Amino acid sequence: MTAPLLTLSSVSKTFASGVSALSGIDLRVNAGEFVAILGASGCGKSTLLRLIADLSEPTSGTVQWSGAAHGATGRLGFVFQDATLMPWASAADNVYLPLRLAGLGRAEAAPRIAEALAAVELGDFAEAFPRELSGGMRMRVSIARALVTQPDVLLLDEPFAALDEPTRFKLNEDLLRLWRTRNLTVIFVTHSVFESVFLSQRVIVMSRRPGRVHADLPIDLPYPRDATLRMSAGFGAACHRVSEVLTRATGAEAA
């Protein structure tokens, strides 16, 4: 049996302030999976993602990657809640940033920048500045910036939460396309039941702070997924099931 790509064992996180964010997290993610982490605001979802990305260290427990999966020995991309673009730089220059920090020259990086922008359907906007782009387009630039490093694992922290519904739906579908075509492992944080069900193969439901894994729910819906799936009885039933579990996990009505 193949070892999981990522294993979290009894992971807890307590901040210097004394706030306990996570407690006893056990989680396994296989290579090529699309996993959603679902929970109410403040339950530690973003903290968990930062621990996975090695941007923070657990107070106790271990975060273990098999082989050369990420970090210093592999490739990991991170997309934050906000696009966090440099306002004075073009879309291409924003995408170039991680390659520049890695010491790659602009001319050498140019084909990778163009490919990453084309992958998110922004090939014609390479010279546009953030102020000239819509919110959805700015988030596409942020995703391209993560893709330009050619990651094996993509971590996304509620990247579409502030967008209007049509834009969010389109970006959900585009993200699934990128996952399939690039053979990515994706871990996606969200507080939307509908988004978690539409995107993922598994939904990890977290309890309120300190966050714990309340349930690990398989989503048995076919791929590829598109707008027609959202209108299907199967999608509605899956959302209802996940919503009920989230309600029990949080002790409140699911949003």
Protein backbone atom coordinates (compact mmCIF):
# COMPACT_ATOMS: atom_id res chain seq x y z
CA MET A 1 0.00 0.00 0.00
CA THR A 2 1.36 3.42 -1.01
CA ALA A 3 2.19 5.74 1.87
CA PRO A 4 0.16 8.97 2.11
CA LEU A 5 1.81 12.05 0.65
CA LEU A 6 1.03 14.02 3.83
CA THR A 7 0.46 12.75 7.37
CA LEU A 8 -0.47 14.90 10.37
CA SER A 9 -0.26 13.06 13.68
CA SER A 10 -1.70 14.49 16.93
CA VAL A 11 -0.99 18.05 15.74
CA SER A 12 -1.85 20.85 18.17
CA LYS A 13 -1.13 24.57 18.05
CA THR A 14 -1.20 27.03 20.94
CA PHE A 15 -0.13 30.60 20.32
CA ALA A 16 2.09 32.67 22.62
CA SER A 17 -1.04 34.50 23.77
CA GLY A 18 -2.31 31.23 25.22
CA VAL A 19 -5.02 30.76 22.58
CA SER A 20 -5.37 27.10 21.62
CA ALA A 21 -6.09 27.02 17.88
CA LEU A 22 -5.83 23.30 17.09
CA SER A 23 -5.92 20.14 19.17
CA GLY A 24 -5.05 16.57 18.23
CA ILE A 25 -5.33 16.83 14.45
CA ASP A 26 -4.87 13.53 12.61
CA LEU A 27 -5.06 13.77 8.83
CA ARG A 28 -3.76 11.93 5.78
CA VAL A 29 -3.72 13.18 2.20
CA ASN A 30 -2.74 11.03 -0.78
CA ALA A 31 -0.93 12.26 -3.87
CA GLY A 32 -3.33 13.65 -6.46
CA GLU A 33 -6.24 14.13 -4.05
CA PHE A 34 -8.45 17.21 -3.84
CA VAL A 35 -9.28 17.72 -0.17
CA ALA A 36 -11.44 20.51 1.26
CA ILE A 37 -11.12 21.68 4.86
CA LEU A 38 -14.48 23.04 6.04
CA GLY A 39 -15.38 24.81 9.24
CA ALA A 40 -16.75 27.94 10.86
CA SER A 41 -14.68 31.12 11.06
CA GLY A 42 -12.07 30.93 13.79
CA CYS A 43 -11.91 27.14 13.97
CA GLY A 44 -8.24 27.01 12.94
CA LYS A 45 -8.53 26.18 9.23
CA SER A 46 -5.98 28.79 8.15
CA THR A 47 -3.68 27.86 11.03
CA LEU A 48 -3.81 24.24 9.89
CA LEU A 49 -2.95 25.22 6.32
CA ARG A 50 0.02 27.29 7.51
CA LEU A 51 1.30 24.32 9.51
CA ILE A 52 1.01 22.15 6.41
CA ALA A 53 2.92 24.78 4.43
CA ASP A 54 5.66 24.94 7.08
CA LEU A 55 4.89 28.63 7.61
CA SER A 56 4.33 27.84 11.29
CA GLU A 57 5.35 25.04 13.63
CA PRO A 58 3.01 22.86 15.68
CA THR A 59 3.18 23.09 19.45
CA SER A 60 3.01 19.30 19.51
CA GLY A 61 2.60 16.48 17.01
CA THR A 62 4.19 16.03 13.59
CA VAL A 63 3.57 17.14 10.01
CA GLN A 64 5.29 14.65 7.73
CA TRP A 65 5.65 14.56 3.94
CA SER A 66 6.66 11.39 2.13
CA GLY A 67 9.62 11.67 -0.22
CA ALA A 68 10.52 14.98 -1.82
CA ALA A 69 7.00 16.31 -1.68
CA HIS A 70 7.37 19.92 -0.64
CA GLY A 71 9.38 22.61 1.07
CA ALA A 72 13.13 22.58 0.67
CA THR A 73 13.02 19.23 -1.14
CA GLY A 74 9.97 19.72 -3.32
CA ARG A 75 7.44 22.19 -4.69
CA LEU A 76 4.46 23.74 -2.95
CA GLY A 77 2.27 26.67 -4.01
CA PHE A 78 0.19 28.77 -1.61
CA VAL A 79 -2.75 31.01 -2.53
CA PHE A 80 -3.88 33.33 0.28
CA GLN A 81 -7.32 34.79 1.04
CA ASP A 82 -6.31 38.09 -0.53
CA ALA A 83 -4.55 38.27 -3.89
CA THR A 84 -1.71 40.25 -2.21
CA LEU A 85 -0.41 41.65 -5.48
CA MET A 86 2.19 44.41 -5.75
CA PRO A 87 0.10 47.38 -7.00
CA TRP A 88 3.05 48.98 -8.82
CA ALA A 89 3.85 45.83 -10.82
CA SER A 90 2.19 44.35 -13.89
CA ALA A 91 0.47 40.97 -13.79
CA ALA A 92 3.55 39.40 -15.40
CA ASP A 93 5.88 40.98 -12.86
CA ASN A 94 3.68 39.81 -9.99
CA VAL A 95 3.81 36.27 -11.35
CA TYR A 96 7.58 36.58 -11.80
CA LEU A 97 8.14 37.39 -8.10
CA PRO A 98 8.78 33.84 -6.74
CA LEU A 99 11.10 33.07 -9.65
CA ARG A 100 12.98 36.34 -9.10
CA LEU A 101 13.38 35.50 -5.42
CA ALA A 102 14.73 32.10 -6.50
CA GLY A 103 17.36 33.83 -8.62
CA LEU A 104 15.91 33.15 -12.07
CA GLY A 105 16.55 35.88 -14.64
CA ARG A 106 13.60 37.67 -16.28
CA ALA A 107 14.41 36.43 -19.79
CA GLU A 108 14.76 32.83 -18.61
CA ALA A 109 11.55 33.10 -16.59
CA ALA A 110 9.49 34.66 -19.41
CA PRO A 111 8.16 31.39 -20.93
CA ARG A 112 7.06 30.13 -17.51
CA ILE A 113 5.35 33.43 -16.72
CA ALA A 114 3.50 33.38 -20.03
CA GLU A 115 2.47 29.75 -19.52
CA ALA A 116 1.17 30.41 -15.99
CA LEU A 117 -0.88 33.42 -17.11
CA ALA A 118 -2.28 31.43 -20.05
CA ALA A 119 -3.26 28.63 -17.66
CA VAL A 120 -5.53 31.03 -15.76
CA GLU A 121 -6.84 32.64 -18.98
CA LEU A 122 -4.96 35.91 -18.53
CA GLY A 123 -2.52 35.64 -21.41
CA ASP A 124 -3.76 38.95 -22.87
CA PHE A 125 -3.37 40.81 -19.56
CA ALA A 126 0.33 40.31 -18.84
CA GLU A 127 1.07 44.04 -18.82
CA ALA A 128 -2.07 45.07 -16.91
CA PHE A 129 -1.71 46.48 -13.39
CA PRO A 130 -3.82 45.22 -10.47
CA ARG A 131 -5.93 48.39 -10.46
CA GLU A 132 -6.95 47.59 -14.04
CA LEU A 133 -8.17 44.09 -13.16
CA SER A 134 -11.37 42.84 -11.55
CA GLY A 135 -11.31 40.99 -8.23
CA GLY A 136 -11.58 37.65 -9.99
CA MET A 137 -8.77 38.53 -12.38
CA ARG A 138 -6.52 39.61 -9.51
CA MET A 139 -7.12 36.24 -7.86
CA ARG A 140 -6.24 34.54 -11.14
CA VAL A 141 -2.92 36.39 -11.09
CA SER A 142 -2.36 35.13 -7.54
CA ILE A 143 -3.05 31.56 -8.68
CA ALA A 144 -0.70 32.01 -11.65
CA ARG A 145 1.99 33.21 -9.24
CA ALA A 146 1.58 29.95 -7.31
CA LEU A 147 1.57 27.86 -10.50
CA VAL A 148 4.68 29.46 -11.98
CA THR A 149 6.85 27.54 -9.53
CA GLN A 150 5.41 24.33 -11.05
CA PRO A 151 4.23 22.95 -7.70
CA ASP A 152 3.24 19.39 -6.90
CA VAL A 153 0.97 20.56 -4.07
CA LEU A 154 -1.34 23.59 -4.13
CA LEU A 155 -2.71 25.03 -0.87
CA LEU A 156 -5.54 27.57 -1.08
CA ASP A 157 -6.89 29.54 1.88
CA GLU A 158 -10.46 30.69 1.05
CA PRO A 159 -9.26 32.37 -2.16
CA PHE A 160 -12.73 33.01 -3.60
CA ALA A 161 -14.63 34.05 -0.46
CA ALA A 162 -14.84 37.76 -1.36
CA LEU A 163 -15.94 37.25 -4.97
CA ASP A 164 -19.42 37.42 -6.46
CA GLU A 165 -21.14 34.09 -7.05
CA PRO A 166 -20.79 33.83 -10.87
CA THR A 167 -17.06 34.63 -10.65
CA ARG A 168 -16.63 32.17 -7.79
CA PHE A 169 -18.39 29.41 -9.73
CA LYS A 170 -16.19 30.00 -12.78
CA LEU A 171 -13.00 29.97 -10.72
CA ASN A 172 -14.12 26.75 -9.02
CA GLU A 173 -14.42 25.10 -12.43
CA ASP A 174 -11.09 26.53 -13.58
CA LEU A 175 -9.37 25.25 -10.44
CA LEU A 176 -10.69 21.74 -11.10
CA ARG A 177 -9.33 21.95 -14.64
CA LEU A 178 -5.89 22.92 -13.34
CA TRP A 179 -6.00 20.12 -10.75
CA ARG A 180 -6.72 17.52 -13.44
CA THR A 181 -4.39 18.77 -16.15
CA ARG A 182 -1.43 19.40 -13.84
CA ASN A 183 -1.84 16.33 -11.63
CA LEU A 184 -1.82 18.49 -8.51
CA THR A 185 -2.55 17.57 -4.92
CA VAL A 186 -4.90 20.29 -3.66
CA ILE A 187 -5.86 21.23 -0.10
CA PHE A 188 -8.55 23.90 -0.14
CA VAL A 189 -9.81 25.79 2.91
CA THR A 190 -13.37 27.12 2.78
CA HIS A 191 -16.36 27.90 4.99
CA SER A 192 -18.80 27.17 2.15
CA VAL A 193 -20.55 23.79 2.19
CA PHE A 194 -21.47 24.16 -1.49
CA GLU A 195 -17.92 24.97 -2.56
CA SER A 196 -16.42 22.13 -0.54
CA VAL A 197 -18.80 19.59 -2.09
CA PHE A 198 -18.42 20.90 -5.64
CA LEU A 199 -14.64 20.82 -5.59
CA SER A 200 -13.42 17.98 -3.48
CA GLN A 201 -13.11 14.24 -3.23
CA ARG A 202 -13.13 14.48 0.57
CA VAL A 203 -14.41 17.13 2.98
CA ILE A 204 -12.64 17.43 6.33
CA VAL A 205 -15.15 18.98 8.75
CA MET A 206 -13.59 20.79 11.70
CA SER A 207 -15.08 21.59 15.10
CA ARG A 208 -14.95 25.00 16.76
CA ARG A 209 -11.75 26.21 18.42
CA PRO A 210 -9.64 24.49 19.37
CA GLY A 211 -10.13 22.93 15.97
CA ARG A 212 -10.34 19.17 15.70
CA VAL A 213 -11.21 16.86 12.81
CA HIS A 214 -14.87 16.13 13.47
CA ALA A 215 -15.47 14.10 10.30
CA ASP A 216 -13.75 12.99 7.08
CA LEU A 217 -16.49 12.72 4.44
CA PRO A 218 -16.00 11.20 0.97
CA ILE A 219 -17.81 13.03 -1.83
CA ASP A 220 -19.04 10.42 -4.28
CA LEU A 221 -19.86 12.68 -7.23
CA PRO A 222 -18.47 12.23 -10.75
CA TYR A 223 -15.83 14.37 -12.44
CA PRO A 224 -15.64 16.49 -14.46
CA ARG A 225 -17.93 18.77 -12.48
CA ASP A 226 -19.67 21.74 -14.04
CA ALA A 227 -22.74 23.94 -13.68
CA THR A 228 -25.13 21.06 -14.36
CA LEU A 229 -23.86 19.24 -11.27
CA ARG A 230 -24.99 22.11 -9.03
CA MET A 231 -28.57 21.51 -10.17
CA SER A 232 -28.51 17.75 -9.62
CA ALA A 233 -30.20 15.78 -6.86
CA GLY A 234 -26.92 14.11 -6.00
CA PHE A 235 -25.21 17.44 -5.38
CA GLY A 236 -28.11 18.63 -3.22
CA ALA A 237 -28.04 15.44 -1.16
CA ALA A 238 -24.27 15.65 -0.64
CA CYS A 239 -24.54 19.29 0.44
CA HIS A 240 -27.32 18.41 2.87
CA ARG A 241 -25.25 15.62 4.41
CA VAL A 242 -22.15 17.81 4.80
CA SER A 243 -24.25 20.67 6.19
CA GLU A 244 -25.77 18.40 8.84
CA VAL A 245 -22.33 17.21 9.92
CA LEU A 246 -21.02 20.79 10.02
CA THR A 247 -23.97 21.82 12.19
CA ARG A 248 -23.19 19.05 14.66
CA ALA A 249 -19.48 19.94 14.59
CA THR A 250 -19.99 23.62 15.29
CA GLY A 251 -23.13 23.55 17.39
CA ALA A 252 -24.62 26.25 15.16
CA GLU A 253 -26.58 26.57 11.97
CA ALA A 254 -24.35 25.97 8.93
CA ALA A 255 -23.84 29.02 6.72
